[in-house]
C-alpha atoms as a PDB file:
ATOM      1  CA  VAL A   1      30.276 122.270 -37.601  1.00  0.00           C
ATOM      2  CA  GLN A   2      27.511 119.910 -36.497  1.00  0.00           C
ATOM      3  CA  LEU A   3      27.684 116.143 -36.066  1.00  0.00           C
ATOM      4  CA  VAL A   4      24.586 114.085 -35.545  1.00  0.00           C
ATOM      5  CA  GLU A   5      24.913 110.448 -34.455  1.00  0.00           C
ATOM      6  CA  SER A   6      22.062 108.019 -34.768  1.00  0.00           C
ATOM      7  CA  GLY A   7      21.180 104.380 -34.987  1.00  0.00           C
ATOM      8  CA  GLY A   8      21.805 103.181 -31.498  1.00  0.00           C
ATOM      9  CA  GLY A   9      19.462 101.040 -29.494  1.00  0.00           C
ATOM     10  CA  LEU A  10      19.032  98.041 -27.243  1.00  0.00           C
ATOM     11  CA  VAL A  11      20.259  94.719 -28.602  1.00  0.00           C
ATOM     12  CA  GLN A  12      20.909  91.284 -27.209  1.00  0.00           C
ATOM     13  CA  PRO A  13      24.411  89.909 -26.880  1.00  0.00           C
ATOM     14  CA  GLY A  14      25.569  88.607 -30.250  1.00  0.00           C
ATOM     15  CA  GLY A  15      23.393  91.032 -32.087  1.00  0.00           C
ATOM     16  CA  SER A  16      24.213  93.823 -34.570  1.00  0.00           C
ATOM     17  CA  LEU A  17      23.617  97.493 -35.039  1.00  0.00           C
ATOM     18  CA  ARG A  18      24.726 100.113 -37.500  1.00  0.00           C
ATOM     19  CA  VAL A  19      25.304 103.567 -36.105  1.00  0.00           C
ATOM     20  CA  SER A  20      25.610 106.636 -38.347  1.00  0.00           C
ATOM     21  CA  CYS A  21      27.207 110.054 -38.126  1.00  0.00           C
ATOM     22  CA  ALA A  22      26.010 112.829 -40.425  1.00  0.00           C
ATOM     23  CA  ALA A  23      27.952 116.057 -40.731  1.00  0.00           C
ATOM     24  CA  SER A  24      27.084 119.613 -41.657  1.00  0.00           C
ATOM     25  CA  GLY A  25      29.485 122.485 -41.880  1.00  0.00           C
ATOM     26  CA  PHE A  26      32.413 120.383 -43.116  1.00  0.00           C
ATOM     27  CA  SER A  27      33.054 117.452 -45.449  1.00  0.00           C
ATOM     28  CA  PHE A  28      34.185 114.071 -44.351  1.00  0.00           C
ATOM     29  CA  ASP A  29      36.659 113.876 -47.207  1.00  0.00           C
ATOM     30  CA  ASP A  30      38.605 116.742 -45.613  1.00  0.00           C
ATOM     31  CA  TYR A  31      39.290 114.932 -42.382  1.00  0.00           C
ATOM     32  CA  ALA A  32      40.166 111.569 -40.948  1.00  0.00           C
ATOM     33  CA  ILE A  33      37.164 110.553 -38.816  1.00  0.00           C
ATOM     34  CA  GLY A  34      36.920 108.336 -35.780  1.00  0.00           C
ATOM     35  CA  TRP A  35      34.355 106.716 -33.653  1.00  0.00           C
ATOM     36  CA  PHE A  36      34.743 106.981 -29.930  1.00  0.00           C
ATOM     37  CA  ARG A  37      32.637 105.648 -27.075  1.00  0.00           C
ATOM     38  CA  GLN A  38      32.052 106.434 -23.441  1.00  0.00           C
ATOM     39  CA  ALA A  39      30.648 103.893 -21.002  1.00  0.00           C
ATOM     40  CA  PRO A  40      29.196 104.971 -17.653  1.00  0.00           C
ATOM     41  CA  GLY A  41      31.884 105.912 -15.257  1.00  0.00           C
ATOM     42  CA  LYS A  42      34.653 105.513 -17.815  1.00  0.00           C
ATOM     43  CA  GLU A  43      36.750 107.755 -19.964  1.00  0.00           C
ATOM     44  CA  ARG A  44      35.937 108.226 -23.628  1.00  0.00           C
ATOM     45  CA  GLU A  45      37.887 105.712 -25.731  1.00  0.00           C
ATOM     46  CA  PHE A  46      38.842 105.174 -29.331  1.00  0.00           C
ATOM     47  CA  VAL A  47      36.916 102.573 -31.313  1.00  0.00           C
ATOM     48  CA  ALA A  48      37.675 102.974 -34.973  1.00  0.00           C
ATOM     49  CA  ALA A  49      38.919 105.485 -37.547  1.00  0.00           C
ATOM     50  CA  VAL A  50      39.115 105.955 -41.290  1.00  0.00           C
ATOM     51  CA  ASP A  51      41.802 108.132 -42.830  1.00  0.00           C
ATOM     52  CA  LEU A  52      41.473 111.074 -45.208  1.00  0.00           C
ATOM     53  CA  SER A  53      41.712 108.874 -48.292  1.00  0.00           C
ATOM     54  CA  GLY A  54      39.062 106.507 -47.021  1.00  0.00           C
ATOM     55  CA  ARG A  55      41.343 103.599 -47.867  1.00  0.00           C
ATOM     56  CA  ASN A  56      42.903 102.973 -44.494  1.00  0.00           C
ATOM     57  CA  THR A  57      41.139 102.054 -41.262  1.00  0.00           C
ATOM     58  CA  ALA A  58      42.183 101.391 -37.699  1.00  0.00           C
ATOM     59  CA  TYR A  59      40.420  99.661 -34.865  1.00  0.00           C
ATOM     60  CA  SER A  60      40.822  99.207 -31.140  1.00  0.00           C
ATOM     61  CA  ASP A  61      41.677  95.689 -30.030  1.00  0.00           C
ATOM     62  CA  SER A  62      38.099  95.198 -28.758  1.00  0.00           C
ATOM     63  CA  ALA A  63      36.603  96.354 -32.043  1.00  0.00           C
ATOM     64  CA  LYS A  64      38.888  94.484 -34.403  1.00  0.00           C
ATOM     65  CA  GLY A  65      37.069  91.708 -36.254  1.00  0.00           C
ATOM     66  CA  ARG A  66      33.657  92.776 -34.982  1.00  0.00           C
ATOM     67  CA  PHE A  67      33.150  96.401 -36.065  1.00  0.00           C
ATOM     68  CA  THR A  68      33.576  97.964 -39.460  1.00  0.00           C
ATOM     69  CA  ILE A  69      33.906 101.680 -40.176  1.00  0.00           C
ATOM     70  CA  SER A  70      32.891 103.071 -43.553  1.00  0.00           C
ATOM     71  CA  ARG A  71      31.881 106.306 -45.155  1.00  0.00           C
ATOM     72  CA  ASP A  72      29.533 107.526 -47.820  1.00  0.00           C
ATOM     73  CA  LEU A  73      30.770 110.844 -49.160  1.00  0.00           C
ATOM     74  CA  THR A  74      27.637 111.379 -51.266  1.00  0.00           C
ATOM     75  CA  ARG A  75      25.687 111.498 -48.026  1.00  0.00           C
ATOM     76  CA  ASN A  76      28.509 113.010 -45.992  1.00  0.00           C
ATOM     77  CA  THR A  77      27.947 110.225 -43.458  1.00  0.00           C
ATOM     78  CA  ILE A  78      30.186 107.914 -41.543  1.00  0.00           C
ATOM     79  CA  TYR A  79      28.955 104.456 -40.426  1.00  0.00           C
ATOM     80  CA  LEU A  80      30.049 101.997 -37.815  1.00  0.00           C
ATOM     81  CA  GLN A  81      28.715  98.451 -38.243  1.00  0.00           C
ATOM     82  CA  LEU A  82      28.675  96.698 -34.890  1.00  0.00           C
ATOM     83  CA  ASN A  83      28.536  92.924 -34.977  1.00  0.00           C
ATOM     84  CA  SER A  84      28.789  90.237 -32.298  1.00  0.00           C
ATOM     85  CA  LEU A  85      27.962  92.823 -29.690  1.00  0.00           C
ATOM     86  CA  GLU A  86      28.851  92.188 -26.087  1.00  0.00           C
ATOM     87  CA  PRO A  87      27.589  93.790 -22.879  1.00  0.00           C
ATOM     88  CA  GLU A  88      30.981  95.490 -22.597  1.00  0.00           C
ATOM     89  CA  ASP A  89      30.131  97.432 -25.782  1.00  0.00           C
ATOM     90  CA  THR A  90      27.355  99.334 -23.950  1.00  0.00           C
ATOM     91  CA  ALA A  91      28.251 102.972 -24.250  1.00  0.00           C
ATOM     92  CA  ILE A  92      27.419 106.228 -25.951  1.00  0.00           C
ATOM     93  CA  TYR A  93      29.023 106.346 -29.346  1.00  0.00           C
ATOM     94  CA  TYR A  94      30.374 109.583 -30.848  1.00  0.00           C
ATOM     95  CA  CYS A  95      32.110 110.470 -34.069  1.00  0.00           C
ATOM     96  CA  ALA A  96      34.760 113.134 -34.362  1.00  0.00           C
ATOM     97  CA  PRO A  97      37.594 114.279 -36.597  1.00  0.00           C
ATOM     98  CA  SER A  98      40.576 112.193 -35.604  1.00  0.00           C
ATOM     99  CA  SER A  99      44.329 112.129 -35.643  1.00  0.00           C
ATOM    100  CA  GLY A 100      45.506 108.545 -35.452  1.00  0.00           C
ATOM    101  CA  ARG A 101      43.561 107.018 -32.540  1.00  0.00           C
ATOM    102  CA  ALA A 102      42.904 110.336 -30.827  1.00  0.00           C
ATOM    103  CA  VAL A 103      40.451 113.113 -31.310  1.00  0.00           C
ATOM    104  CA  ARG A 104      41.814 115.836 -33.568  1.00  0.00           C
ATOM    105  CA  THR A 105      43.388 118.592 -31.552  1.00  0.00           C
ATOM    106  CA  GLY A 106      41.086 121.497 -30.993  1.00  0.00           C
ATOM    107  CA  PHE A 107      37.854 119.689 -31.809  1.00  0.00           C
ATOM    108  CA  THR A 108      35.115 120.568 -29.367  1.00  0.00           C
ATOM    109  CA  SER A 109      31.867 120.327 -31.401  1.00  0.00           C
ATOM    110  CA  TRP A 110      30.685 116.997 -30.080  1.00  0.00           C
ATOM    111  CA  GLY A 111      27.319 115.708 -31.101  1.00  0.00           C
ATOM    112  CA  GLN A 112      24.865 114.209 -28.651  1.00  0.00           C
ATOM    113  CA  GLY A 113      26.087 110.699 -29.416  1.00  0.00           C
ATOM    114  CA  THR A 114      23.983 107.596 -29.856  1.00  0.00           C
ATOM    115  CA  GLN A 115      23.361 105.143 -27.055  1.00  0.00           C
ATOM    116  CA  VAL A 116      24.147 101.462 -27.644  1.00  0.00           C
ATOM    117  CA  ALA A 117      22.949  99.082 -24.952  1.00  0.00           C
ATOM    118  CA  VAL A 118      23.720  95.344 -25.068  1.00  0.00           C
ATOM    119  CA  SER A 119      21.722  93.263 -22.662  1.00  0.00           C
ATOM    120  CA  SER A 120      19.690  90.096 -22.551  1.00  0.00           C
END
Protein backbone atom coordinates (compact mmCIF):
# COMPACT_ATOMS: atom_id res chain seq x y z
CA VAL A 1 0.00 0.00 0.00
CA GLN A 2 1.38 3.37 -0.98
CA LEU A 3 -0.29 6.77 -0.66
CA VAL A 4 1.17 9.82 -2.32
CA GLU A 5 -0.16 13.25 -1.41
CA SER A 6 0.51 16.29 -3.58
CA GLY A 7 -0.75 19.74 -4.46
CA GLY A 8 0.18 21.70 -1.36
CA GLY A 9 1.88 25.05 -1.41
CA LEU A 10 2.00 28.57 -0.07
CA VAL A 11 -1.18 30.61 -0.45
CA GLN A 12 -2.46 33.89 0.92
CA PRO A 13 -5.36 34.01 3.35
CA GLY A 14 -8.61 33.64 1.46
CA GLY A 15 -6.95 31.66 -1.29
CA SER A 16 -7.58 28.13 -2.54
CA LEU A 17 -5.69 24.94 -3.18
CA ARG A 18 -6.58 21.43 -4.25
CA VAL A 19 -4.58 18.63 -2.70
CA SER A 20 -4.57 15.11 -4.10
CA CYS A 21 -3.94 11.63 -2.80
CA ALA A 22 -3.05 8.86 -5.22
CA ALA A 23 -3.01 5.23 -4.11
CA SER A 24 -1.29 2.11 -5.25
CA GLY A 25 -1.74 -1.31 -3.79
CA PHE A 26 -5.41 -0.87 -3.01
CA SER A 27 -8.50 0.70 -4.48
CA PHE A 28 -10.28 3.68 -3.01
CA ASP A 29 -13.64 2.06 -3.66
CA ASP A 30 -12.75 -0.63 -1.11
CA TYR A 31 -12.34 1.82 1.77
CA ALA A 32 -13.74 4.93 3.32
CA ILE A 33 -10.99 7.54 3.01
CA GLY A 34 -10.21 10.55 5.12
CA TRP A 35 -8.00 13.58 5.04
CA PHE A 36 -6.12 14.42 8.21
CA ARG A 37 -3.72 17.23 8.99
CA GLN A 38 -0.98 17.94 11.47
CA ALA A 39 0.14 21.43 12.35
CA PRO A 40 3.49 22.08 14.04
CA GLY A 41 3.39 21.11 17.68
CA LYS A 42 -0.12 19.68 17.43
CA GLU A 43 -1.70 16.26 17.17
CA ARG A 44 -2.91 14.95 13.84
CA GLU A 45 -6.58 15.83 13.40
CA PHE A 46 -9.48 14.80 11.21
CA VAL A 47 -10.44 17.11 8.35
CA ALA A 48 -12.82 15.28 6.01
CA ALA A 49 -13.89 11.82 4.90
CA VAL A 50 -15.85 10.12 2.17
CA ASP A 51 -17.52 6.78 2.76
CA LEU A 52 -17.20 3.53 0.84
CA SER A 53 -20.08 4.38 -1.47
CA GLY A 54 -18.69 7.80 -2.25
CA ARG A 55 -22.09 9.31 -1.58
CA ASN A 56 -21.62 10.43 2.01
CA THR A 57 -19.06 12.86 3.34
CA ALA A 58 -18.14 14.24 6.73
CA TYR A 59 -16.19 17.32 7.74
CA SER A 60 -14.65 18.77 10.83
CA ASP A 61 -16.28 21.95 12.11
CA SER A 62 -13.36 24.01 10.81
CA ALA A 63 -13.56 22.46 7.35
CA LYS A 64 -17.33 22.54 6.92
CA GLY A 65 -18.40 25.00 4.26
CA ARG A 66 -14.85 25.66 3.09
CA PHE A 67 -13.38 22.29 2.09
CA THR A 68 -14.76 19.63 -0.23
CA ILE A 69 -13.63 16.03 -0.44
CA SER A 70 -14.13 14.08 -3.65
CA ARG A 71 -12.78 11.03 -5.38
CA ASP A 72 -12.03 9.90 -8.92
CA LEU A 73 -12.07 6.13 -9.02
CA THR A 74 -10.81 6.06 -12.62
CA ARG A 75 -7.62 7.68 -11.35
CA ASN A 76 -7.76 6.02 -7.92
CA THR A 77 -7.31 9.49 -6.47
CA ILE A 78 -8.90 11.41 -3.63
CA TYR A 79 -9.04 15.20 -3.67
CA LEU A 80 -9.53 17.86 -1.04
CA GLN A 81 -10.51 21.28 -2.35
CA LEU A 82 -9.48 23.93 0.15
CA ASN A 83 -11.22 27.29 -0.17
CA SER A 84 -11.20 30.43 1.98
CA LEU A 85 -7.96 29.30 3.54
CA GLU A 86 -6.91 30.73 6.88
CA PRO A 87 -3.51 30.79 8.60
CA GLU A 88 -4.90 28.19 11.03
CA ASP A 89 -5.16 25.76 8.11
CA THR A 90 -1.37 25.64 7.84
CA ALA A 91 -0.39 22.00 8.30
CA ILE A 92 0.80 18.88 6.56
CA TYR A 93 -2.18 17.14 4.98
CA TYR A 94 -2.38 13.35 4.81
CA CYS A 95 -4.90 10.88 3.45
CA ALA A 96 -5.63 7.53 5.02
CA PRO A 97 -8.29 4.84 5.13
CA SER A 98 -10.77 5.98 7.72
CA SER A 99 -13.44 4.73 10.07
CA GLY A 100 -15.82 7.52 10.85
CA ARG A 101 -13.64 10.48 11.79
CA ALA A 102 -10.69 8.36 12.81
CA VAL A 103 -7.92 6.59 10.98
CA ARG A 104 -8.85 3.00 10.20
CA THR A 105 -7.51 0.67 12.88
CA GLY A 106 -4.24 -0.90 11.94
CA PHE A 107 -3.30 1.53 9.19
CA THR A 108 0.36 2.50 9.34
CA SER A 109 1.37 3.16 5.72
CA TRP A 110 1.32 6.93 5.89
CA GLY A 111 2.49 8.90 2.89
CA GLN A 112 4.81 11.85 3.16
CA GLY A 113 1.92 14.29 3.24
CA THR A 114 1.66 17.59 1.43
CA GLN A 115 2.46 20.90 3.10
CA VAL A 116 -0.14 23.66 3.02
CA ALA A 117 1.02 27.05 4.26
CA VAL A 118 -1.33 30.01 4.52
CA SER A 119 0.39 33.33 5.03
CA SER A 120 0.38 36.87 3.75
